[in-house]
Amino acid sequence: MGVADTAGPRNIFVVGLDDFHLRQLCALPRANGYAFHPLFTRAELKCGERFPVRELLNDAPRKLHAFHGQVDAVVGYWDFPVSTTLPLLRRDFHLPGPTLEAVLKCEHKYWSRLEQKRVIPGHLPIFCAVDPFAPDPLRGVTLSFPFWMKPVKSVLSHLGFLVEDVHDFNRAIAATRRGIRRFGDPFNEIMSHAHIPAEVATIDGNHCIAETLISSGRQCTLEGYAWRGDVRIYGLIDSLREGVAGSSFCRYAYPSTLPEPVQVRMTDMARRVIQQVGYDDAPFNIEFFWEEDTNRIWLLEINCRISKSHAPLFHMVDGCYHHQVMIDLGLGQEPSMPYRQGAFACAAKFMLRHHQDARVARVPTPSEIATIEAEIPGVLIEIDIGQGTQLSELRFQDSYTYEVAVVFVGAANHEELQRKYECVLARLPLVLVPIETAPRGNPGRMP
């Protein structure tokens, strides 16, 4: 590495950099003091059927050491494998961030539940580990039907199933056996670099966790960070669901409309859990459910990153993408985020979902999208499917729906949010031709 130029921009390496988020990074208030460098692009991370964890761990350090300048930060906003490899990539350069063990205590769903149980035992479902490759996996399940089952490491509810009876369980196990190694094997590669306690050592990435149902009530995500042992929350976002037992997200809305006392209790739980696992000097988000009728709060899961889905919402309402929090912490600085300085009082991310397999006959052109965005203020549209795609071929969808587009909307109130979204749908030239199969999530058919 060369000698640092204190007068020049800070060199920030972004694992999985893509154009959409690069535009957001370049729009940060202090962006003229940063130089962003891709450390594997998003396209490289998505290439093929497997995650390039070994390449990340071998090639990324070589690229960093070969850089002619000071490496000031290594950051990322994607889930696996980015969030779990960051501690290892930062290690050689003595950059700030949590330990690998702290990250795994959040992202290994079974290990995370064990840690959560030590500090907030009354706010968790009953859970147990499941070995999908055991001769009789159901024999190891200590829960009664119904329950949720999902891999100890996955993203976007991939291979997550509502299991109501033995028939459902057997179908879920068959699907899990076919697909779990796509995440499980590379996750095990990362786990091999950590000190794993005996109570977790036998529950590797190719295991599942079964949990009693807690999907009733209102869901809320807390965006926060840990800074030198202090845990701070800077935004609460409501998450609305649709589909089988509320299995699929349909909308994120900011700021949260939960009662203030509920928000305070969630914040306190988040602080206790983050401090319990020893997670520090990095951003996180934690998902909770609040049961309105019982006033009970349940913790769902922890993510060791900012939510990229929430970034435009913070920009619309607070006036800054919360990538700023990630950058500040990556540089070893106390984060600074504006509050309610955006153009809109509220904002939402709408996820346009399809419940049946279909072929994409037409997608909007960039100019058509730009026209809609220009004519409806506060709208940002993302289409992540291509013409000719069959929805069942999309990767890493949840087990019940297909996400075909997202629409970010800013507005003066929630009624206006809905009106703007419906206006976008009416004008969006996205054409899907149904394929005659059972609807996704049909209890008689699991993928």
Protein backbone atom coordinates (compact mmCIF):
# COMPACT_ATOMS: atom_id res chain seq x y z
CA MET A 1 0.00 0.00 0.00
CA GLY A 2 1.11 3.53 -0.66
CA VAL A 3 1.35 6.32 1.86
CA ALA A 4 -1.93 7.98 2.76
CA ASP A 5 -2.60 11.36 1.19
CA THR A 6 -4.27 13.22 4.01
CA ALA A 7 -5.43 15.94 1.62
CA GLY A 8 -7.11 13.52 -0.78
CA PRO A 9 -10.41 11.67 -0.61
CA ARG A 10 -10.86 8.68 1.70
CA ASN A 11 -10.65 5.39 -0.19
CA ILE A 12 -13.74 3.31 0.54
CA PHE A 13 -13.99 -0.20 -0.88
CA VAL A 14 -17.55 -1.45 -1.33
CA VAL A 15 -18.11 -5.21 -1.53
CA GLY A 16 -20.78 -5.86 -4.15
CA LEU A 17 -20.92 -2.33 -5.54
CA ASP A 18 -23.67 -1.70 -8.10
CA ASP A 19 -24.74 1.35 -10.09
CA PHE A 20 -28.04 1.88 -8.25
CA HIS A 21 -26.36 2.21 -4.85
CA LEU A 22 -23.29 3.97 -6.21
CA ARG A 23 -25.63 6.81 -7.22
CA GLN A 24 -26.90 6.93 -3.64
CA LEU A 25 -23.37 6.87 -2.22
CA CYS A 26 -22.34 9.72 -4.52
CA ALA A 27 -25.34 11.74 -3.32
CA LEU A 28 -24.20 11.71 0.33
CA PRO A 29 -23.51 15.17 1.79
CA ARG A 30 -19.77 14.49 2.22
CA ALA A 31 -19.35 12.40 -0.94
CA ASN A 32 -16.78 14.80 -2.40
CA GLY A 33 -14.42 13.56 0.32
CA TYR A 34 -14.83 9.89 -0.66
CA ALA A 35 -13.46 7.74 -3.46
CA PHE A 36 -15.57 4.60 -3.92
CA HIS A 37 -13.94 1.44 -5.27
CA PRO A 38 -15.68 -1.83 -6.14
CA LEU A 39 -14.37 -4.89 -4.32
CA PHE A 40 -16.28 -7.43 -6.39
CA THR A 41 -19.28 -5.96 -8.16
CA ARG A 42 -22.84 -7.03 -7.49
CA ALA A 43 -22.86 -8.82 -10.85
CA GLU A 44 -19.78 -10.83 -9.85
CA LEU A 45 -21.40 -11.87 -6.57
CA LYS A 46 -24.57 -12.99 -8.38
CA CYS A 47 -22.72 -14.90 -11.11
CA GLY A 48 -23.56 -18.60 -11.31
CA GLU A 49 -25.39 -20.89 -8.91
CA ARG A 50 -22.98 -20.61 -5.99
CA PHE A 51 -21.68 -17.79 -3.85
CA PRO A 52 -18.01 -16.97 -4.50
CA VAL A 53 -17.01 -16.99 -0.84
CA ARG A 54 -13.63 -18.60 -1.40
CA GLU A 55 -12.85 -16.09 -4.15
CA LEU A 56 -13.90 -13.24 -1.87
CA LEU A 57 -11.66 -14.43 0.94
CA ASN A 58 -8.69 -15.10 -1.34
CA ASP A 59 -8.89 -12.46 -4.08
CA ALA A 60 -10.30 -9.47 -2.20
CA PRO A 61 -7.34 -9.19 0.24
CA ARG A 62 -4.92 -9.41 -2.70
CA LYS A 63 -6.73 -6.55 -4.43
CA LEU A 64 -6.67 -4.47 -1.27
CA HIS A 65 -2.94 -5.08 -0.69
CA ALA A 66 -2.19 -4.24 -4.33
CA PHE A 67 -4.03 -0.91 -4.12
CA HIS A 68 -1.68 2.07 -4.53
CA GLY A 69 -3.05 4.17 -1.73
CA GLN A 70 -4.50 4.00 1.76
CA VAL A 71 -7.37 1.58 2.36
CA ASP A 72 -9.58 3.65 4.64
CA ALA A 73 -12.71 1.48 4.83
CA VAL A 74 -14.20 -1.79 3.59
CA VAL A 75 -18.01 -1.74 3.70
CA GLY A 76 -21.06 -3.44 2.24
CA TYR A 77 -24.84 -3.20 2.28
CA TRP A 78 -25.74 -6.70 1.01
CA ASP A 79 -26.68 -9.71 3.08
CA PHE A 80 -24.82 -13.00 2.72
CA PRO A 81 -22.05 -13.42 1.73
CA VAL A 82 -21.07 -9.76 2.09
CA SER A 83 -22.11 -9.12 5.70
CA THR A 84 -20.37 -12.25 6.97
CA THR A 85 -17.11 -11.80 5.05
CA LEU A 86 -16.54 -8.15 6.02
CA PRO A 87 -14.91 -8.96 9.40
CA LEU A 88 -12.35 -11.17 7.65
CA LEU A 89 -11.64 -8.61 4.91
CA ARG A 90 -11.10 -5.81 7.44
CA ARG A 91 -8.84 -7.86 9.70
CA ASP A 92 -5.55 -7.47 7.78
CA PHE A 93 -5.96 -3.70 7.65
CA HIS A 94 -6.96 -3.23 11.31
CA LEU A 95 -10.13 -1.47 10.22
CA PRO A 96 -12.99 -0.92 12.69
CA GLY A 97 -15.91 -3.32 12.81
CA PRO A 98 -17.40 -6.23 14.73
CA THR A 99 -15.71 -9.59 15.18
CA LEU A 100 -16.70 -12.52 13.00
CA GLU A 101 -18.12 -14.27 16.06
CA ALA A 102 -20.36 -11.28 16.85
CA VAL A 103 -21.67 -11.25 13.29
CA LEU A 104 -22.35 -14.99 13.35
CA LYS A 105 -24.19 -14.65 16.66
CA CYS A 106 -26.60 -12.41 14.77
CA GLU A 107 -26.82 -14.18 11.40
CA HIS A 108 -26.72 -17.88 12.35
CA LYS A 109 -30.39 -18.11 13.25
CA TYR A 110 -30.03 -20.89 15.82
CA TRP A 111 -26.95 -19.41 17.53
CA SER A 112 -28.68 -16.03 17.53
CA ARG A 113 -31.73 -17.45 19.31
CA LEU A 114 -29.51 -18.96 22.00
CA GLU A 115 -27.92 -15.56 22.64
CA GLN A 116 -31.24 -13.71 22.56
CA LYS A 117 -32.71 -16.18 25.05
CA ARG A 118 -30.10 -15.11 27.60
CA VAL A 119 -31.33 -11.50 27.74
CA ILE A 120 -34.94 -11.36 26.44
CA PRO A 121 -36.32 -14.90 27.04
CA GLY A 122 -39.96 -13.82 27.12
CA HIS A 123 -39.89 -12.32 23.64
CA LEU A 124 -38.88 -15.29 21.51
CA PRO A 125 -40.72 -18.24 19.96
CA ILE A 126 -39.98 -21.77 21.10
CA PHE A 127 -37.36 -23.13 18.74
CA CYS A 128 -35.24 -26.16 17.92
CA ALA A 129 -32.63 -27.18 15.37
CA VAL A 130 -33.55 -29.53 12.51
CA ASP A 131 -31.16 -31.69 10.49
CA PRO A 132 -32.83 -32.00 7.07
CA PHE A 133 -30.43 -34.79 6.09
CA ALA A 134 -31.18 -37.00 9.09
CA PRO A 135 -32.85 -40.34 8.25
CA ASP A 136 -35.99 -39.15 10.06
CA PRO A 137 -35.79 -35.33 10.41
CA LEU A 138 -39.20 -35.04 12.09
CA ARG A 139 -38.00 -37.17 14.97
CA GLY A 140 -35.68 -34.37 16.03
CA VAL A 141 -38.40 -31.70 16.03
CA THR A 142 -39.56 -30.86 19.55
CA LEU A 143 -42.42 -28.57 18.45
CA SER A 144 -46.04 -29.32 17.66
CA PHE A 145 -47.61 -28.33 14.33
CA PRO A 146 -47.90 -25.70 12.97
CA PHE A 147 -44.45 -24.10 12.88
CA TRP A 148 -42.10 -22.21 10.58
CA MET A 149 -38.99 -23.94 9.27
CA LYS A 150 -36.08 -22.18 7.56
CA PRO A 151 -32.32 -22.65 7.11
CA VAL A 152 -30.05 -21.28 9.83
CA LYS A 153 -28.69 -19.01 7.08
CA SER A 154 -30.75 -17.74 4.18
CA VAL A 155 -31.96 -14.47 2.69
CA LEU A 156 -35.32 -13.13 1.51
CA SER A 157 -37.19 -16.02 3.21
CA HIS A 158 -35.58 -18.45 0.74
CA LEU A 159 -36.53 -22.03 1.74
CA GLY A 160 -38.73 -20.75 4.54
CA PHE A 161 -41.90 -22.83 4.95
CA LEU A 162 -45.08 -22.78 7.00
CA VAL A 163 -45.40 -26.41 8.15
CA GLU A 164 -48.91 -27.39 9.22
CA ASP A 165 -48.70 -31.18 9.13
CA VAL A 166 -46.48 -34.15 8.25
CA HIS A 167 -47.30 -33.80 4.56
CA ASP A 168 -46.09 -30.18 4.56
CA PHE A 169 -43.00 -31.17 6.55
CA ASN A 170 -41.97 -33.88 4.11
CA ARG A 171 -42.38 -31.54 1.14
CA ALA A 172 -40.41 -28.80 2.91
CA ILE A 173 -37.62 -31.24 3.76
CA ALA A 174 -37.44 -32.41 0.14
CA ALA A 175 -37.14 -28.82 -1.11
CA THR A 176 -34.63 -27.97 1.60
CA ARG A 177 -32.43 -30.95 0.74
CA ARG A 178 -32.37 -29.81 -2.88
CA GLY A 179 -31.51 -26.20 -2.18
CA ILE A 180 -29.94 -25.64 1.23
CA ARG A 181 -26.35 -26.27 0.23
CA ARG A 182 -26.38 -23.21 -2.02
CA PHE A 183 -26.21 -21.11 1.15
CA GLY A 184 -25.11 -23.74 3.63
CA ASP A 185 -21.80 -24.79 2.10
CA PRO A 186 -20.39 -21.25 1.65
CA PHE A 187 -21.71 -20.29 5.09
CA ASN A 188 -19.77 -23.21 6.52
CA GLU A 189 -16.67 -21.88 4.76
CA ILE A 190 -17.01 -18.66 6.73
CA MET A 191 -17.85 -20.46 9.99
CA SER A 192 -14.58 -22.38 9.69
CA HIS A 193 -12.73 -19.12 10.44
CA ALA A 194 -14.60 -18.52 13.74
CA HIS A 195 -14.47 -19.88 17.27
CA ILE A 196 -17.76 -21.78 17.60
CA PRO A 197 -19.03 -22.89 21.03
CA ALA A 198 -19.90 -26.53 21.62
CA GLU A 199 -23.65 -25.82 21.79
CA VAL A 200 -23.55 -24.58 18.18
CA ALA A 201 -20.67 -26.54 16.66
CA THR A 202 -22.88 -29.39 15.39
CA ILE A 203 -25.49 -27.02 13.88
CA ASP A 204 -23.79 -25.99 10.65
CA GLY A 205 -25.10 -24.04 7.67
CA ASN A 206 -26.92 -27.06 6.26
CA HIS A 207 -29.26 -27.23 9.25
CA CYS A 208 -32.62 -25.56 9.78
CA ILE A 209 -34.38 -23.96 12.68
CA ALA A 210 -38.04 -24.65 13.50
CA GLU A 211 -39.99 -22.03 15.46
CA THR A 212 -43.49 -21.68 16.81
CA LEU A 213 -45.61 -19.15 14.93
CA ILE A 214 -45.33 -15.48 15.85
CA SER A 215 -46.51 -13.98 12.57
CA SER A 216 -49.56 -12.20 13.97
CA GLY A 217 -49.48 -8.52 14.75
CA ARG A 218 -47.60 -5.56 13.31
CA GLN A 219 -44.03 -5.90 12.16
CA CYS A 220 -41.43 -3.20 12.62
CA THR A 221 -37.72 -2.96 11.77
CA LEU A 222 -35.30 -0.88 13.85
CA GLU A 223 -32.31 0.58 11.99
CA GLY A 224 -29.41 1.30 14.30
CA TYR A 225 -25.72 1.00 14.99
CA ALA A 226 -23.26 0.23 17.76
CA TRP A 227 -20.55 2.79 18.42
CA ARG A 228 -17.89 2.04 21.04
CA GLY A 229 -20.29 -0.08 23.05
CA ASP A 230 -23.24 2.32 22.83
CA VAL A 231 -26.27 1.08 20.86
CA ARG A 232 -28.32 3.73 19.05
CA ILE A 233 -31.52 3.53 16.99
CA TYR A 234 -32.09 6.19 14.33
CA GLY A 235 -35.20 4.95 12.52
CA LEU A 236 -38.18 2.59 12.83
CA ILE A 237 -39.87 1.27 9.69
CA ASP A 238 -43.19 -0.60 9.51
CA SER A 239 -43.26 -3.79 7.43
CA LEU A 240 -46.53 -4.97 5.92
CA ARG A 241 -47.00 -8.52 4.64
CA GLU A 242 -49.26 -10.49 2.33
CA GLY A 243 -49.66 -14.09 1.21
CA VAL A 244 -49.74 -17.36 3.14
CA ALA A 245 -49.72 -16.51 6.88
CA GLY A 246 -48.14 -13.17 6.01
CA SER A 247 -45.14 -14.86 4.43
CA SER A 248 -44.21 -12.14 1.91
CA PHE A 249 -43.35 -8.47 2.38
CA CYS A 250 -45.49 -6.12 0.33
CA ARG A 251 -44.57 -2.71 1.75
CA TYR A 252 -42.13 -0.90 4.04
CA ALA A 253 -43.31 2.44 5.44
CA TYR A 254 -41.31 5.12 7.26
CA PRO A 255 -41.64 6.53 9.83
CA SER A 256 -43.33 3.85 11.93
CA THR A 257 -46.84 4.47 13.20
CA LEU A 258 -46.47 2.16 16.21
CA PRO A 259 -47.31 3.71 19.60
CA GLU A 260 -44.36 5.47 21.21
CA PRO A 261 -44.24 3.14 24.27
CA VAL A 262 -43.95 0.13 21.96
CA GLN A 263 -41.10 1.78 20.07
CA VAL A 264 -39.31 2.45 23.36
CA ARG A 265 -39.64 -1.17 24.45
CA MET A 266 -38.33 -2.44 21.11
CA THR A 267 -35.38 -0.07 21.34
CA ASP A 268 -34.51 -1.37 24.80
CA MET A 269 -34.66 -4.99 23.62
CA ALA A 270 -32.48 -4.20 20.63
CA ARG A 271 -29.89 -2.59 22.88
CA ARG A 272 -29.77 -5.60 25.23
CA VAL A 273 -29.39 -8.12 22.40
CA ILE A 274 -26.72 -6.21 20.47
CA GLN A 275 -24.67 -5.74 23.62
CA GLN A 276 -25.13 -9.42 24.54
CA VAL A 277 -23.59 -10.64 21.28
CA GLY A 278 -20.73 -8.13 21.46
CA TYR A 279 -21.56 -6.48 18.13
CA ASP A 280 -19.82 -3.08 17.86
CA ASP A 281 -18.72 -0.32 15.48
CA ALA A 282 -21.13 -1.29 12.70
CA PRO A 283 -24.75 -0.84 11.57
CA PHE A 284 -27.54 -3.37 12.04
CA ASN A 285 -31.28 -3.75 11.78
CA ILE A 286 -33.60 -5.86 13.95
CA GLU A 287 -37.09 -7.03 13.06
CA PHE A 288 -39.85 -7.24 15.69
CA PHE A 289 -43.54 -8.13 15.86
CA TRP A 290 -45.97 -6.34 18.16
CA GLU A 291 -49.19 -8.19 19.08
CA GLU A 292 -51.69 -5.39 19.46
CA ASP A 293 -54.24 -7.40 21.44
CA THR A 294 -51.75 -8.74 24.03
CA ASN A 295 -49.22 -5.87 23.85
CA ARG A 296 -46.52 -8.50 23.52
CA ILE A 297 -43.33 -7.96 21.48
CA TRP A 298 -41.47 -10.70 19.64
CA LEU A 299 -37.98 -10.50 18.13
CA LEU A 300 -37.75 -12.02 14.65
CA GLU A 301 -34.16 -11.66 13.47
CA ILE A 302 -31.03 -9.51 13.32
CA ASN A 303 -29.21 -8.35 10.17
CA CYS A 304 -25.62 -7.09 10.32
CA ARG A 305 -25.97 -4.31 7.74
CA ILE A 306 -28.07 -1.33 6.78
CA SER A 307 -31.19 -2.23 4.86
CA LYS A 308 -30.70 -1.10 1.26
CA SER A 309 -34.51 -1.23 0.94
CA HIS A 310 -34.82 1.50 3.55
CA ALA A 311 -32.14 3.83 2.14
CA PRO A 312 -34.44 5.78 -0.24
CA LEU A 313 -37.01 6.08 2.56
CA PHE A 314 -34.48 7.81 4.82
CA HIS A 315 -33.48 10.08 1.95
CA MET A 316 -37.09 11.06 1.26
CA VAL A 317 -37.99 11.72 4.91
CA ASP A 318 -34.73 12.63 6.67
CA GLY A 319 -32.79 14.06 3.74
CA CYS A 320 -29.93 11.55 3.55
CA TYR A 321 -29.43 7.94 2.51
CA HIS A 322 -28.44 5.97 5.58
CA HIS A 323 -25.41 4.69 3.71
CA GLN A 324 -23.89 7.62 5.61
CA VAL A 325 -24.08 5.59 8.83
CA MET A 326 -22.28 2.68 7.15
CA ILE A 327 -19.57 4.98 5.75
CA ASP A 328 -18.98 6.84 9.02
CA LEU A 329 -18.61 3.63 11.00
CA GLY A 330 -16.39 2.09 8.32
CA LEU A 331 -14.07 5.08 8.66
CA GLY A 332 -14.05 4.78 12.45
CA GLN A 333 -16.16 7.89 12.97
CA GLU A 334 -19.28 8.52 15.03
CA PRO A 335 -22.24 8.52 12.60
CA SER A 336 -24.10 11.70 11.75
CA MET A 337 -27.57 11.50 10.18
CA PRO A 338 -30.01 14.37 9.61
CA TYR A 339 -33.55 14.06 10.99
CA ARG A 340 -36.78 15.00 9.15
CA GLN A 341 -34.98 17.23 6.67
CA GLY A 342 -36.24 15.41 3.57
CA ALA A 343 -38.80 16.49 1.00
CA PHE A 344 -41.62 14.26 2.29
CA ALA A 345 -43.34 13.53 5.59
CA CYS A 346 -43.49 9.78 4.91
CA ALA A 347 -42.23 7.27 2.38
CA ALA A 348 -42.75 3.64 1.42
CA LYS A 349 -41.21 0.87 -0.61
CA PHE A 350 -43.92 -1.15 -2.39
CA MET A 351 -43.02 -4.67 -3.57
CA LEU A 352 -45.06 -5.71 -6.58
CA ARG A 353 -45.54 -9.47 -6.26
CA HIS A 354 -47.01 -12.20 -8.42
CA HIS A 355 -48.54 -15.32 -6.88
CA GLN A 356 -48.42 -17.58 -9.91
CA ASP A 357 -45.72 -18.58 -12.35
CA ALA A 358 -45.63 -16.45 -15.49
CA ARG A 359 -43.39 -15.41 -18.35
CA VAL A 360 -42.32 -11.79 -18.67
CA ALA A 361 -43.66 -10.60 -22.03
CA ARG A 362 -42.74 -6.93 -21.65
CA VAL A 363 -40.74 -4.77 -19.27
CA PRO A 364 -40.69 -0.98 -19.20
CA THR A 365 -37.87 0.71 -21.06
CA PRO A 366 -35.54 3.06 -19.13
CA SER A 367 -37.16 6.04 -20.87
CA GLU A 368 -40.67 4.87 -19.93
CA ILE A 369 -39.58 4.51 -16.30
CA ALA A 370 -37.93 7.94 -16.38
CA THR A 371 -41.13 9.48 -17.74
CA ILE A 372 -43.27 8.03 -14.95
CA GLU A 373 -40.74 9.13 -12.31
CA ALA A 374 -40.65 12.65 -13.76
CA GLU A 375 -44.44 13.03 -13.91
CA ILE A 376 -45.16 11.62 -10.42
CA PRO A 377 -42.95 13.47 -7.90
CA GLY A 378 -41.31 11.33 -5.25
CA VAL A 379 -41.36 8.06 -7.23
CA LEU A 380 -38.44 5.72 -7.91
CA ILE A 381 -38.98 2.46 -9.84
CA GLU A 382 -36.77 -0.64 -9.95
CA ILE A 383 -37.41 -3.54 -12.35
CA ASP A 384 -35.16 -6.53 -11.67
CA ILE A 385 -36.58 -8.96 -14.22
CA GLY A 386 -35.86 -9.21 -17.92
CA GLN A 387 -38.10 -9.82 -20.89
CA GLY A 388 -38.56 -13.54 -21.52
CA THR A 389 -37.83 -14.52 -17.92
CA GLN A 390 -39.97 -17.21 -16.33
CA LEU A 391 -40.75 -16.23 -12.75
CA SER A 392 -40.10 -19.72 -11.38
CA GLU A 393 -36.51 -19.36 -12.63
CA LEU A 394 -35.83 -16.29 -10.48
CA ARG A 395 -33.27 -16.89 -7.74
CA PHE A 396 -33.74 -16.49 -4.00
CA GLN A 397 -37.46 -15.73 -3.97
CA ASP A 398 -39.54 -16.61 -0.93
CA SER A 399 -41.49 -19.85 -1.01
CA TYR A 400 -44.87 -18.29 -1.81
CA THR A 401 -44.57 -15.31 -4.19
CA TYR A 402 -42.37 -13.77 -6.88
CA GLU A 403 -41.13 -10.19 -6.57
CA VAL A 404 -41.24 -8.54 -10.01
CA ALA A 405 -40.71 -4.84 -9.25
CA VAL A 406 -40.31 -2.33 -6.44
CA VAL A 407 -41.63 1.21 -6.28
CA PHE A 408 -40.35 3.79 -3.79
CA VAL A 409 -42.80 6.59 -3.05
CA GLY A 410 -42.57 9.76 -0.97
CA ALA A 411 -45.68 11.70 0.04
CA ALA A 412 -47.30 14.05 2.52
CA ASN A 413 -49.34 11.27 4.15
CA HIS A 414 -50.10 7.56 3.86
CA GLU A 415 -53.21 8.10 1.75
CA GLU A 416 -51.17 9.97 -0.83
CA LEU A 417 -48.56 7.16 -0.77
CA GLN A 418 -51.22 4.68 -1.82
CA ARG A 419 -52.66 6.97 -4.52
CA LYS A 420 -49.24 7.53 -6.07
CA TYR A 421 -48.47 3.81 -6.06
CA GLU A 422 -51.76 2.95 -7.73
CA CYS A 423 -51.05 5.61 -10.34
CA VAL A 424 -47.66 4.03 -11.06
CA LEU A 425 -49.24 0.57 -11.43
CA ALA A 426 -51.80 1.90 -13.87
CA ARG A 427 -49.07 3.38 -16.06
CA LEU A 428 -46.33 0.77 -15.72
CA PRO A 429 -46.00 -1.22 -18.99
CA LEU A 430 -45.11 -4.52 -17.34
CA VAL A 431 -46.79 -7.53 -18.96
CA LEU A 432 -46.78 -11.04 -17.44
CA VAL A 433 -48.29 -14.00 -19.29
CA PRO A 434 -49.56 -16.67 -16.83
CA ILE A 435 -48.22 -20.20 -17.00
CA GLU A 436 -50.78 -22.79 -16.02
CA THR A 437 -49.50 -24.10 -12.68
CA ALA A 438 -50.89 -24.05 -9.18
CA PRO A 439 -50.60 -20.68 -7.43
CA ARG A 440 -47.41 -20.25 -5.46
CA GLY A 441 -47.95 -21.18 -1.84
CA ASN A 442 -50.85 -23.57 -2.49
CA PRO A 443 -50.91 -25.82 0.62
CA GLY A 444 -50.99 -28.83 -1.68
CA ARG A 445 -47.86 -27.80 -3.54
CA MET A 446 -44.61 -26.59 -2.10
CA PRO A 447 -41.63 -25.84 -4.31
